[in-house]
């Protein structure tokens, strides 16, 4: 879907402050389950940190966290709120090797073009240490498309997403469904995936 990536980036750049104030509460339930799987003093990479709410909770709990976002404007908002450096990192530029115990990607990989997702997942897999844990969430559906703001979504089915994850040598993959709302205030079905590296 040509141009969708630029249109999605443009939305977050143009609406960074408004979007950052939309949801200030951390994703405590899913985040708590994720953190419970990690060792004490774990090193965590957050992708698409937005306003920094989840990284903030992880930092409060004593984890060594690297919050990142692909949009410079949102990275600046998160850095201001967290009081730490927030690098601008595009998913396709992840080049770390066995550097993190956990990678947290709440509601961000859902913007990755379907054709590009296998490579992104492979980069995430390489960036995890043995035994590392990776969490990501997606708005589910059947066909990729855009929301009312013009943002691109890959809208995977459970079957398609499972097959995409299973192309990599994970020790375990757990997929759970759920209901939720997004910035567009529309109800959505969600897929929450937690995978552990051998």
N, C-alpha and C. Protein backbone atom coordinates (compact mmCIF):
# COMPACT_ATOMS: atom_id res chain seq x y z
N UNK A 1 0.87 -1.19 0.00
CA UNK A 1 0.00 0.00 0.00
C UNK A 1 0.90 1.23 0.00
N UNK A 2 1.24 1.65 -1.18
CA UNK A 2 2.20 2.74 -1.36
C UNK A 2 1.77 4.01 -0.65
N UNK A 3 2.71 4.61 0.08
CA UNK A 3 2.43 5.88 0.74
C UNK A 3 1.84 5.75 2.13
N UNK A 4 1.42 4.54 2.53
CA UNK A 4 0.79 4.38 3.83
C UNK A 4 1.77 4.66 4.97
N UNK A 5 3.02 4.23 4.79
CA UNK A 5 4.01 4.45 5.84
C UNK A 5 4.20 5.93 6.09
N UNK A 6 4.37 6.70 5.02
CA UNK A 6 4.54 8.15 5.17
C UNK A 6 3.32 8.79 5.79
N UNK A 7 2.14 8.34 5.40
CA UNK A 7 0.91 8.91 5.93
C UNK A 7 0.78 8.61 7.43
N UNK A 8 1.17 7.40 7.83
CA UNK A 8 1.11 7.03 9.24
C UNK A 8 2.10 7.86 10.05
N UNK A 9 3.34 7.97 9.56
CA UNK A 9 4.33 8.80 10.24
C UNK A 9 3.85 10.24 10.36
N UNK A 10 3.26 10.74 9.29
CA UNK A 10 2.80 12.12 9.28
C UNK A 10 1.73 12.36 10.35
N UNK A 11 0.83 11.38 10.52
CA UNK A 11 -0.19 11.52 11.55
C UNK A 11 0.45 11.68 12.92
N UNK A 12 1.41 10.82 13.26
CA UNK A 12 2.01 10.89 14.59
C UNK A 12 2.88 12.13 14.76
N UNK A 13 3.53 12.56 13.69
CA UNK A 13 4.32 13.79 13.77
C UNK A 13 3.44 15.01 13.99
N UNK A 14 2.33 15.08 13.24
CA UNK A 14 1.45 16.25 13.31
C UNK A 14 0.61 16.28 14.58
N UNK A 15 0.40 15.12 15.20
CA UNK A 15 -0.49 15.04 16.36
C UNK A 15 0.21 14.52 17.61
N UNK A 16 1.52 14.70 17.68
CA UNK A 16 2.31 14.10 18.75
C UNK A 16 1.81 14.49 20.15
N UNK A 17 1.63 15.77 20.40
CA UNK A 17 1.23 16.20 21.74
C UNK A 17 -0.17 15.70 22.10
N UNK A 18 -1.10 15.82 21.15
CA UNK A 18 -2.47 15.36 21.41
C UNK A 18 -2.50 13.86 21.62
N UNK A 19 -1.82 13.13 20.76
CA UNK A 19 -1.80 11.68 20.88
C UNK A 19 -1.14 11.25 22.19
N UNK A 20 -0.08 11.93 22.57
CA UNK A 20 0.64 11.58 23.80
C UNK A 20 -0.21 11.77 25.05
N UNK A 21 -1.18 12.66 24.98
CA UNK A 21 -2.05 12.91 26.13
C UNK A 21 -3.31 12.04 26.13
N UNK A 22 -3.45 11.20 25.11
CA UNK A 22 -4.67 10.42 24.97
C UNK A 22 -4.79 9.35 26.05
N UNK A 23 -3.71 8.63 26.31
CA UNK A 23 -3.77 7.51 27.24
C UNK A 23 -2.51 7.55 28.10
N UNK A 24 -2.66 7.96 29.36
CA UNK A 24 -1.50 8.15 30.22
C UNK A 24 -1.28 6.98 31.16
N UNK A 25 -2.23 6.06 31.25
CA UNK A 25 -2.13 4.92 32.16
C UNK A 25 -1.34 3.79 31.51
N UNK A 26 -0.34 3.24 32.21
CA UNK A 26 0.42 2.13 31.63
C UNK A 26 -0.46 0.90 31.39
N UNK A 27 0.01 0.02 30.52
CA UNK A 27 -0.70 -1.22 30.21
C UNK A 27 -0.38 -2.26 31.28
N UNK A 28 -0.88 -2.02 32.50
CA UNK A 28 -0.40 -2.75 33.67
C UNK A 28 -0.63 -4.26 33.61
N UNK A 29 -1.78 -4.70 33.12
CA UNK A 29 -2.05 -6.14 33.13
C UNK A 29 -1.08 -6.90 32.24
N UNK A 30 -1.01 -6.52 30.98
CA UNK A 30 -0.12 -7.20 30.03
C UNK A 30 1.34 -6.97 30.42
N UNK A 31 1.65 -5.76 30.84
CA UNK A 31 3.03 -5.43 31.21
C UNK A 31 3.46 -6.22 32.43
N UNK A 32 2.55 -6.39 33.40
CA UNK A 32 2.87 -7.17 34.59
C UNK A 32 3.19 -8.62 34.24
N UNK A 33 2.42 -9.21 33.34
CA UNK A 33 2.69 -10.59 32.90
C UNK A 33 4.04 -10.69 32.20
N UNK A 34 4.34 -9.70 31.38
CA UNK A 34 5.62 -9.66 30.65
C UNK A 34 6.79 -9.56 31.63
N UNK A 35 6.70 -8.63 32.56
CA UNK A 35 7.80 -8.42 33.51
C UNK A 35 8.02 -9.63 34.41
N UNK A 36 6.95 -10.34 34.71
CA UNK A 36 7.06 -11.52 35.58
C UNK A 36 7.89 -12.63 34.93
N UNK A 37 8.05 -12.57 33.63
CA UNK A 37 8.82 -13.59 32.91
C UNK A 37 10.30 -13.23 32.80
N UNK A 38 10.67 -12.03 33.26
CA UNK A 38 12.03 -11.54 33.10
C UNK A 38 12.83 -11.68 34.38
N UNK A 39 14.17 -11.76 34.26
CA UNK A 39 15.01 -11.80 35.46
C UNK A 39 15.06 -10.44 36.15
N UNK A 40 15.45 -10.45 37.38
CA UNK A 40 15.63 -9.19 38.12
C UNK A 40 16.70 -8.36 37.42
N UNK A 41 16.49 -7.04 37.37
CA UNK A 41 17.41 -6.11 36.71
C UNK A 41 17.54 -6.36 35.21
N UNK A 42 16.47 -6.88 34.61
CA UNK A 42 16.49 -7.16 33.18
C UNK A 42 16.70 -5.89 32.36
N UNK A 43 17.32 -6.06 31.20
CA UNK A 43 17.47 -4.98 30.23
C UNK A 43 16.37 -5.11 29.20
N UNK A 44 15.61 -4.03 29.00
CA UNK A 44 14.42 -4.08 28.16
C UNK A 44 14.48 -3.00 27.09
N UNK A 45 14.13 -3.37 25.88
CA UNK A 45 13.97 -2.42 24.78
C UNK A 45 12.48 -2.22 24.55
N UNK A 46 12.02 -0.97 24.60
CA UNK A 46 10.64 -0.71 24.20
C UNK A 46 10.62 -0.09 22.81
N UNK A 47 9.84 -0.69 21.93
CA UNK A 47 9.64 -0.16 20.59
C UNK A 47 8.34 0.62 20.56
N UNK A 48 8.34 1.74 19.84
CA UNK A 48 7.12 2.54 19.72
C UNK A 48 6.58 2.99 21.07
N UNK A 49 7.42 3.62 21.86
CA UNK A 49 7.05 3.94 23.26
C UNK A 49 6.00 5.03 23.37
N UNK A 50 5.73 5.77 22.30
CA UNK A 50 4.70 6.82 22.38
C UNK A 50 5.05 7.85 23.43
N UNK A 51 4.14 8.04 24.37
CA UNK A 51 4.38 9.05 25.42
C UNK A 51 5.27 8.54 26.55
N UNK A 52 5.70 7.29 26.50
CA UNK A 52 6.62 6.76 27.50
C UNK A 52 5.95 6.15 28.71
N UNK A 53 4.63 5.98 28.68
CA UNK A 53 3.92 5.51 29.88
C UNK A 53 4.39 4.13 30.35
N UNK A 54 4.60 3.19 29.42
CA UNK A 54 5.01 1.84 29.83
C UNK A 54 6.47 1.82 30.27
N UNK A 55 7.33 2.53 29.54
CA UNK A 55 8.73 2.63 29.96
C UNK A 55 8.84 3.27 31.34
N UNK A 56 7.98 4.25 31.60
CA UNK A 56 8.00 4.91 32.90
C UNK A 56 7.75 3.93 34.03
N UNK A 57 6.77 3.06 33.86
CA UNK A 57 6.47 2.06 34.89
C UNK A 57 7.63 1.08 35.05
N UNK A 58 8.22 0.66 33.93
CA UNK A 58 9.35 -0.27 34.02
C UNK A 58 10.55 0.37 34.71
N UNK A 59 10.80 1.64 34.42
CA UNK A 59 11.90 2.35 35.08
C UNK A 59 11.63 2.47 36.58
N UNK A 60 10.39 2.76 36.94
CA UNK A 60 10.02 2.86 38.36
C UNK A 60 10.27 1.55 39.09
N UNK A 61 10.11 0.46 38.40
CA UNK A 61 10.30 -0.86 39.02
C UNK A 61 11.74 -1.33 38.99
N UNK A 62 12.63 -0.49 38.51
CA UNK A 62 14.05 -0.79 38.60
C UNK A 62 14.67 -1.49 37.42
N UNK A 63 13.94 -1.61 36.33
CA UNK A 63 14.50 -2.25 35.15
C UNK A 63 15.34 -1.26 34.35
N UNK A 64 16.31 -1.79 33.63
CA UNK A 64 17.12 -0.95 32.75
C UNK A 64 16.41 -0.92 31.40
N UNK A 65 15.82 0.22 31.07
CA UNK A 65 14.93 0.32 29.92
C UNK A 65 15.50 1.28 28.87
N UNK A 66 15.40 0.87 27.62
CA UNK A 66 15.72 1.75 26.50
C UNK A 66 14.42 2.02 25.76
N UNK A 67 13.76 3.17 26.04
CA UNK A 67 12.55 3.50 25.29
C UNK A 67 12.92 4.10 23.95
N UNK A 68 12.22 3.70 22.90
CA UNK A 68 12.48 4.23 21.55
C UNK A 68 11.15 4.50 20.85
N UNK A 69 11.20 5.36 19.85
CA UNK A 69 10.03 5.57 19.00
C UNK A 69 10.52 5.94 17.60
N UNK A 70 9.73 5.61 16.60
CA UNK A 70 10.12 5.90 15.23
C UNK A 70 9.80 7.32 14.79
N UNK A 71 9.01 8.04 15.59
CA UNK A 71 8.62 9.40 15.26
C UNK A 71 9.40 10.38 16.14
N UNK A 72 10.24 11.23 15.58
CA UNK A 72 11.04 12.14 16.41
C UNK A 72 10.19 12.98 17.37
N UNK A 73 9.02 13.41 16.91
CA UNK A 73 8.16 14.25 17.76
C UNK A 73 7.67 13.50 19.00
N UNK A 74 7.30 12.24 18.83
CA UNK A 74 6.87 11.45 19.98
C UNK A 74 8.06 11.08 20.87
N UNK A 75 9.19 10.79 20.27
CA UNK A 75 10.39 10.51 21.07
C UNK A 75 10.75 11.70 21.95
N UNK A 76 10.57 12.91 21.43
CA UNK A 76 10.86 14.12 22.21
C UNK A 76 9.89 14.26 23.37
N UNK A 77 8.61 13.96 23.14
CA UNK A 77 7.61 14.02 24.21
C UNK A 77 7.97 13.03 25.31
N UNK A 78 8.30 11.79 24.91
CA UNK A 78 8.63 10.75 25.89
C UNK A 78 9.89 11.12 26.68
N UNK A 79 10.90 11.66 26.00
CA UNK A 79 12.14 12.05 26.67
C UNK A 79 11.87 13.12 27.72
N UNK A 80 11.01 14.06 27.37
CA UNK A 80 10.66 15.14 28.31
C UNK A 80 9.93 14.58 29.54
N UNK A 81 9.04 13.66 29.32
CA UNK A 81 8.27 13.09 30.44
C UNK A 81 9.09 12.15 31.31
N UNK A 82 9.96 11.38 30.67
CA UNK A 82 10.72 10.38 31.41
C UNK A 82 12.02 10.93 31.99
N UNK A 83 12.53 11.99 31.40
CA UNK A 83 13.80 12.54 31.85
C UNK A 83 14.98 11.67 31.45
N UNK A 84 14.82 10.90 30.38
CA UNK A 84 15.91 10.06 29.86
C UNK A 84 15.98 10.24 28.35
N UNK A 85 17.08 9.81 27.77
CA UNK A 85 17.22 9.87 26.32
C UNK A 85 16.29 8.84 25.67
N UNK A 86 15.57 9.25 24.65
CA UNK A 86 14.69 8.35 23.90
C UNK A 86 15.13 8.39 22.44
N UNK A 87 15.91 7.41 22.02
CA UNK A 87 16.38 7.40 20.63
C UNK A 87 15.24 7.23 19.63
N UNK A 88 15.42 7.81 18.46
CA UNK A 88 14.52 7.57 17.34
C UNK A 88 15.00 6.29 16.66
N UNK A 89 14.14 5.27 16.65
CA UNK A 89 14.52 3.98 16.09
C UNK A 89 13.40 3.44 15.22
N UNK A 90 13.71 3.22 13.95
CA UNK A 90 12.77 2.56 13.05
C UNK A 90 12.93 1.06 13.20
N UNK A 91 11.84 0.33 13.06
CA UNK A 91 11.89 -1.11 13.25
C UNK A 91 12.92 -1.76 12.33
N UNK A 92 13.00 -1.28 11.09
CA UNK A 92 13.92 -1.89 10.13
C UNK A 92 15.38 -1.57 10.43
N UNK A 93 15.63 -0.69 11.41
CA UNK A 93 17.00 -0.35 11.79
C UNK A 93 17.45 -1.06 13.06
N UNK A 94 16.64 -1.94 13.61
CA UNK A 94 17.05 -2.71 14.79
C UNK A 94 18.21 -3.60 14.38
N UNK A 95 19.37 -3.38 15.00
CA UNK A 95 20.55 -4.16 14.61
C UNK A 95 21.29 -4.76 15.81
N UNK A 96 20.69 -4.67 16.99
CA UNK A 96 21.32 -5.24 18.18
C UNK A 96 21.35 -6.77 18.08
N UNK A 97 22.35 -7.36 18.73
CA UNK A 97 22.48 -8.82 18.76
C UNK A 97 22.60 -9.27 20.21
N UNK A 98 21.62 -10.05 20.65
CA UNK A 98 21.58 -10.61 22.01
C UNK A 98 21.89 -9.53 23.06
N UNK A 99 21.18 -8.42 22.97
CA UNK A 99 21.45 -7.27 23.84
C UNK A 99 20.40 -7.07 24.92
N UNK A 100 19.22 -7.72 24.78
CA UNK A 100 18.12 -7.44 25.69
C UNK A 100 17.49 -8.72 26.25
N UNK A 101 17.04 -8.62 27.49
CA UNK A 101 16.30 -9.73 28.11
C UNK A 101 14.83 -9.70 27.71
N UNK A 102 14.34 -8.53 27.36
CA UNK A 102 12.96 -8.40 26.96
C UNK A 102 12.78 -7.30 25.94
N UNK A 103 11.83 -7.47 25.04
CA UNK A 103 11.46 -6.43 24.08
C UNK A 103 9.95 -6.26 24.14
N UNK A 104 9.52 -5.04 24.40
CA UNK A 104 8.11 -4.69 24.58
C UNK A 104 7.67 -3.83 23.40
N UNK A 105 6.64 -4.31 22.68
CA UNK A 105 6.18 -3.61 21.48
C UNK A 105 4.65 -3.53 21.50
N UNK A 106 4.14 -2.75 22.43
CA UNK A 106 2.69 -2.64 22.59
C UNK A 106 2.11 -1.70 21.51
N UNK A 107 1.20 -2.24 20.71
CA UNK A 107 0.43 -1.43 19.74
C UNK A 107 1.31 -0.58 18.82
N UNK A 108 2.38 -1.18 18.30
CA UNK A 108 3.22 -0.44 17.35
C UNK A 108 3.55 -1.26 16.10
N UNK A 109 3.83 -2.54 16.25
CA UNK A 109 4.12 -3.36 15.07
C UNK A 109 2.90 -3.54 14.19
N UNK A 110 1.75 -3.15 14.69
CA UNK A 110 0.52 -3.21 13.89
C UNK A 110 0.56 -2.25 12.69
N UNK A 111 1.54 -1.32 12.69
CA UNK A 111 1.71 -0.41 11.57
C UNK A 111 2.71 -0.91 10.52
N UNK A 112 3.33 -2.07 10.78
CA UNK A 112 4.33 -2.60 9.85
C UNK A 112 3.63 -3.26 8.66
N UNK A 113 4.07 -2.93 7.45
CA UNK A 113 3.52 -3.58 6.27
C UNK A 113 3.69 -5.09 6.41
N UNK A 114 2.66 -5.84 6.01
CA UNK A 114 2.70 -7.30 6.16
C UNK A 114 3.95 -7.91 5.55
N UNK A 115 4.33 -7.46 4.38
CA UNK A 115 5.49 -8.03 3.70
C UNK A 115 6.78 -7.79 4.47
N UNK A 116 6.82 -6.73 5.30
CA UNK A 116 8.03 -6.38 6.04
C UNK A 116 8.08 -7.02 7.42
N UNK A 117 6.95 -7.53 7.92
CA UNK A 117 6.91 -8.02 9.30
C UNK A 117 7.86 -9.19 9.55
N UNK A 118 8.00 -10.18 8.66
CA UNK A 118 8.95 -11.28 8.95
C UNK A 118 10.37 -10.79 9.22
N UNK A 119 10.86 -9.82 8.45
CA UNK A 119 12.21 -9.29 8.68
C UNK A 119 12.30 -8.57 10.01
N UNK A 120 11.26 -7.81 10.37
CA UNK A 120 11.27 -7.09 11.65
C UNK A 120 11.30 -8.08 12.80
N UNK A 121 10.48 -9.13 12.71
CA UNK A 121 10.47 -10.14 13.77
C UNK A 121 11.82 -10.84 13.88
N UNK A 122 12.48 -11.08 12.75
CA UNK A 122 13.81 -11.70 12.77
C UNK A 122 14.82 -10.79 13.46
N UNK A 123 14.72 -9.48 13.23
CA UNK A 123 15.61 -8.52 13.89
C UNK A 123 15.38 -8.52 15.40
N UNK A 124 14.11 -8.57 15.79
CA UNK A 124 13.77 -8.62 17.22
C UNK A 124 14.31 -9.90 17.84
N UNK A 125 14.14 -11.02 17.16
CA UNK A 125 14.64 -12.30 17.65
C UNK A 125 16.14 -12.23 17.88
N UNK A 126 16.89 -11.66 16.93
CA UNK A 126 18.35 -11.54 17.08
C UNK A 126 18.73 -10.64 18.24
N UNK A 127 17.92 -9.62 18.50
CA UNK A 127 18.24 -8.65 19.56
C UNK A 127 18.03 -9.21 20.96
N UNK A 128 17.28 -10.31 21.06
CA UNK A 128 17.02 -10.91 22.37
C UNK A 128 18.15 -11.85 22.78
N UNK A 129 18.44 -11.86 24.07
CA UNK A 129 19.36 -12.86 24.62
C UNK A 129 18.65 -14.21 24.71
N UNK A 130 19.40 -15.30 24.83
CA UNK A 130 18.75 -16.59 25.04
C UNK A 130 17.82 -16.53 26.27
N UNK A 131 16.62 -17.04 26.10
CA UNK A 131 15.62 -16.98 27.16
C UNK A 131 14.87 -15.67 27.20
N UNK A 132 15.18 -14.76 26.27
CA UNK A 132 14.54 -13.45 26.25
C UNK A 132 13.06 -13.53 25.85
N UNK A 133 12.31 -12.52 26.26
CA UNK A 133 10.86 -12.50 26.06
C UNK A 133 10.46 -11.30 25.20
N UNK A 134 9.57 -11.55 24.27
CA UNK A 134 9.09 -10.52 23.35
C UNK A 134 7.57 -10.47 23.39
N UNK A 135 7.04 -9.25 23.58
CA UNK A 135 5.59 -9.06 23.57
C UNK A 135 5.22 -8.03 22.51
N UNK A 136 4.15 -8.30 21.77
CA UNK A 136 3.62 -7.34 20.81
C UNK A 136 2.10 -7.52 20.72
N UNK A 137 1.40 -6.46 20.36
CA UNK A 137 -0.05 -6.52 20.21
C UNK A 137 -0.46 -5.92 18.87
N UNK A 138 -1.53 -6.47 18.32
CA UNK A 138 -1.99 -6.11 16.99
C UNK A 138 -3.51 -5.99 16.98
N UNK A 139 -4.03 -5.06 16.23
CA UNK A 139 -5.46 -5.05 15.93
C UNK A 139 -5.70 -6.14 14.89
N UNK A 140 -6.59 -7.06 15.19
CA UNK A 140 -6.78 -8.18 14.28
C UNK A 140 -7.84 -7.89 13.23
N UNK A 141 -7.85 -8.73 12.21
CA UNK A 141 -8.80 -8.57 11.12
C UNK A 141 -8.53 -9.58 10.04
N UNK A 142 -8.73 -9.22 8.83
CA UNK A 142 -8.49 -10.13 7.73
C UNK A 142 -7.66 -9.51 6.64
N UNK A 143 -7.86 -8.23 6.40
CA UNK A 143 -7.15 -7.55 5.32
C UNK A 143 -6.50 -6.28 5.85
N UNK A 144 -5.30 -5.98 5.36
CA UNK A 144 -4.63 -4.74 5.76
C UNK A 144 -5.43 -3.54 5.25
N UNK A 145 -5.29 -2.43 5.93
CA UNK A 145 -6.05 -1.25 5.53
C UNK A 145 -5.71 -0.05 6.39
N UNK A 146 -6.57 0.96 6.34
CA UNK A 146 -6.35 2.21 7.08
C UNK A 146 -7.51 2.46 8.02
N UNK A 147 -7.23 3.23 9.07
CA UNK A 147 -8.32 3.66 9.95
C UNK A 147 -8.84 5.02 9.49
N UNK A 148 -9.72 5.62 10.29
CA UNK A 148 -10.34 6.88 9.89
C UNK A 148 -9.35 8.04 9.84
N UNK A 149 -8.17 7.88 10.44
CA UNK A 149 -7.14 8.92 10.41
C UNK A 149 -6.14 8.69 9.28
N UNK A 150 -6.35 7.63 8.50
CA UNK A 150 -5.45 7.34 7.40
C UNK A 150 -4.23 6.52 7.79
N UNK A 151 -4.17 6.06 9.05
CA UNK A 151 -3.02 5.26 9.49
C UNK A 151 -3.12 3.84 8.93
N UNK A 152 -1.99 3.31 8.47
CA UNK A 152 -1.94 1.95 7.96
C UNK A 152 -1.93 0.95 9.11
N UNK A 153 -2.70 -0.14 8.95
CA UNK A 153 -2.69 -1.26 9.89
C UNK A 153 -2.57 -2.56 9.11
N UNK A 154 -1.81 -3.51 9.66
CA UNK A 154 -1.69 -4.80 8.98
C UNK A 154 -2.88 -5.73 9.29
N UNK A 155 -3.64 -5.45 10.33
CA UNK A 155 -4.87 -6.20 10.66
C UNK A 155 -4.73 -7.70 10.41
N UNK A 156 -3.83 -8.39 11.10
CA UNK A 156 -3.63 -9.81 10.81
C UNK A 156 -4.75 -10.69 11.39
N UNK A 157 -4.94 -11.82 10.77
CA UNK A 157 -5.77 -12.86 11.38
C UNK A 157 -4.88 -13.66 12.33
N UNK A 158 -5.50 -14.41 13.22
CA UNK A 158 -4.72 -15.25 14.14
C UNK A 158 -3.90 -16.28 13.37
N UNK A 159 -4.49 -16.85 12.34
CA UNK A 159 -3.80 -17.86 11.54
C UNK A 159 -2.59 -17.27 10.83
N UNK A 160 -2.76 -16.10 10.20
CA UNK A 160 -1.66 -15.48 9.47
C UNK A 160 -0.54 -15.08 10.42
N UNK A 161 -0.90 -14.49 11.56
CA UNK A 161 0.12 -14.03 12.50
C UNK A 161 0.87 -15.21 13.12
N UNK A 162 0.15 -16.27 13.44
CA UNK A 162 0.80 -17.46 13.99
C UNK A 162 1.82 -18.02 13.01
N UNK A 163 1.43 -18.11 11.74
CA UNK A 163 2.35 -18.64 10.73
C UNK A 163 3.57 -17.75 10.57
N UNK A 164 3.40 -16.45 10.68
CA UNK A 164 4.52 -15.51 10.54
C UNK A 164 5.50 -15.67 11.70
N UNK A 165 4.99 -15.79 12.91
CA UNK A 165 5.86 -16.00 14.08
C UNK A 165 6.57 -17.34 14.00
N UNK A 166 5.87 -18.36 13.53
CA UNK A 166 6.41 -19.72 13.54
C UNK A 166 7.54 -19.91 12.53
N UNK A 167 7.80 -18.90 11.71
CA UNK A 167 8.95 -18.96 10.81
C UNK A 167 10.27 -18.81 11.55
N UNK A 168 10.21 -18.42 12.82
CA UNK A 168 11.41 -18.22 13.63
C UNK A 168 11.47 -19.26 14.74
N UNK A 169 12.70 -19.58 15.22
CA UNK A 169 12.85 -20.62 16.23
C UNK A 169 12.57 -20.13 17.66
N UNK A 170 11.32 -19.89 17.97
CA UNK A 170 10.95 -19.52 19.33
C UNK A 170 10.84 -20.78 20.19
N UNK A 171 11.15 -20.65 21.48
CA UNK A 171 10.93 -21.76 22.40
C UNK A 171 9.44 -21.93 22.68
N UNK A 172 8.72 -20.82 22.72
CA UNK A 172 7.28 -20.86 22.94
C UNK A 172 6.64 -19.61 22.36
N UNK A 173 5.39 -19.75 21.94
CA UNK A 173 4.59 -18.63 21.45
C UNK A 173 3.22 -18.74 22.08
N UNK A 174 2.78 -17.68 22.74
CA UNK A 174 1.44 -17.66 23.32
C UNK A 174 0.65 -16.51 22.69
N UNK A 175 -0.50 -16.82 22.13
CA UNK A 175 -1.33 -15.80 21.50
C UNK A 175 -2.68 -15.76 22.20
N UNK A 176 -3.09 -14.55 22.58
CA UNK A 176 -4.37 -14.37 23.25
C UNK A 176 -5.18 -13.29 22.54
N UNK A 177 -6.47 -13.50 22.47
CA UNK A 177 -7.36 -12.49 21.91
C UNK A 177 -7.84 -11.54 22.99
N UNK A 178 -8.40 -10.43 22.57
CA UNK A 178 -8.94 -9.47 23.52
C UNK A 178 -9.74 -8.40 22.80
N UNK A 179 -10.40 -7.58 23.58
CA UNK A 179 -11.17 -6.46 23.07
C UNK A 179 -10.55 -5.16 23.56
N UNK A 180 -10.72 -4.11 22.77
CA UNK A 180 -10.18 -2.83 23.21
C UNK A 180 -10.56 -1.70 22.27
N UNK A 181 -10.15 -0.50 22.67
CA UNK A 181 -10.39 0.71 21.89
C UNK A 181 -9.06 1.36 21.58
N UNK A 182 -9.02 2.12 20.53
CA UNK A 182 -7.83 2.87 20.18
C UNK A 182 -8.10 4.36 20.15
N UNK A 183 -7.17 5.08 19.56
CA UNK A 183 -7.26 6.54 19.50
C UNK A 183 -8.49 7.00 18.71
N UNK A 184 -8.94 6.15 17.78
CA UNK A 184 -10.13 6.51 16.98
C UNK A 184 -11.44 6.20 17.70
N UNK A 185 -11.34 5.70 18.94
CA UNK A 185 -12.51 5.41 19.79
C UNK A 185 -13.43 4.35 19.18
N UNK A 186 -12.87 3.50 18.35
CA UNK A 186 -13.64 2.41 17.75
C UNK A 186 -13.28 1.09 18.44
N UNK A 187 -14.27 0.23 18.70
CA UNK A 187 -13.96 -1.07 19.31
C UNK A 187 -13.19 -1.95 18.33
N UNK A 188 -12.22 -2.69 18.86
CA UNK A 188 -11.39 -3.55 18.02
C UNK A 188 -11.15 -4.88 18.70
N UNK A 189 -10.97 -5.92 17.88
CA UNK A 189 -10.44 -7.18 18.38
C UNK A 189 -8.92 -7.09 18.32
N UNK A 190 -8.27 -7.60 19.35
CA UNK A 190 -6.82 -7.52 19.45
C UNK A 190 -6.21 -8.90 19.55
N UNK A 191 -4.98 -9.03 19.11
CA UNK A 191 -4.17 -10.22 19.32
C UNK A 191 -2.93 -9.84 20.11
N UNK A 192 -2.71 -10.51 21.23
CA UNK A 192 -1.57 -10.25 22.09
C UNK A 192 -0.64 -11.47 22.00
N UNK A 193 0.60 -11.23 21.60
CA UNK A 193 1.53 -12.34 21.36
C UNK A 193 2.74 -12.20 22.28
N UNK A 194 3.05 -13.26 23.01
CA UNK A 194 4.24 -13.32 23.83
C UNK A 194 5.07 -14.51 23.36
N UNK A 195 6.33 -14.23 23.00
CA UNK A 195 7.19 -15.29 22.49
C UNK A 195 8.50 -15.29 23.29
N UNK A 196 9.01 -16.50 23.52
CA UNK A 196 10.27 -16.63 24.26
C UNK A 196 11.33 -17.27 23.38
N UNK A 197 12.53 -16.70 23.41
CA UNK A 197 13.63 -17.23 22.64
C UNK A 197 14.28 -18.39 23.39
N UNK A 198 14.68 -19.43 22.69
CA UNK A 198 15.32 -20.57 23.36
C UNK A 198 16.58 -20.16 24.11
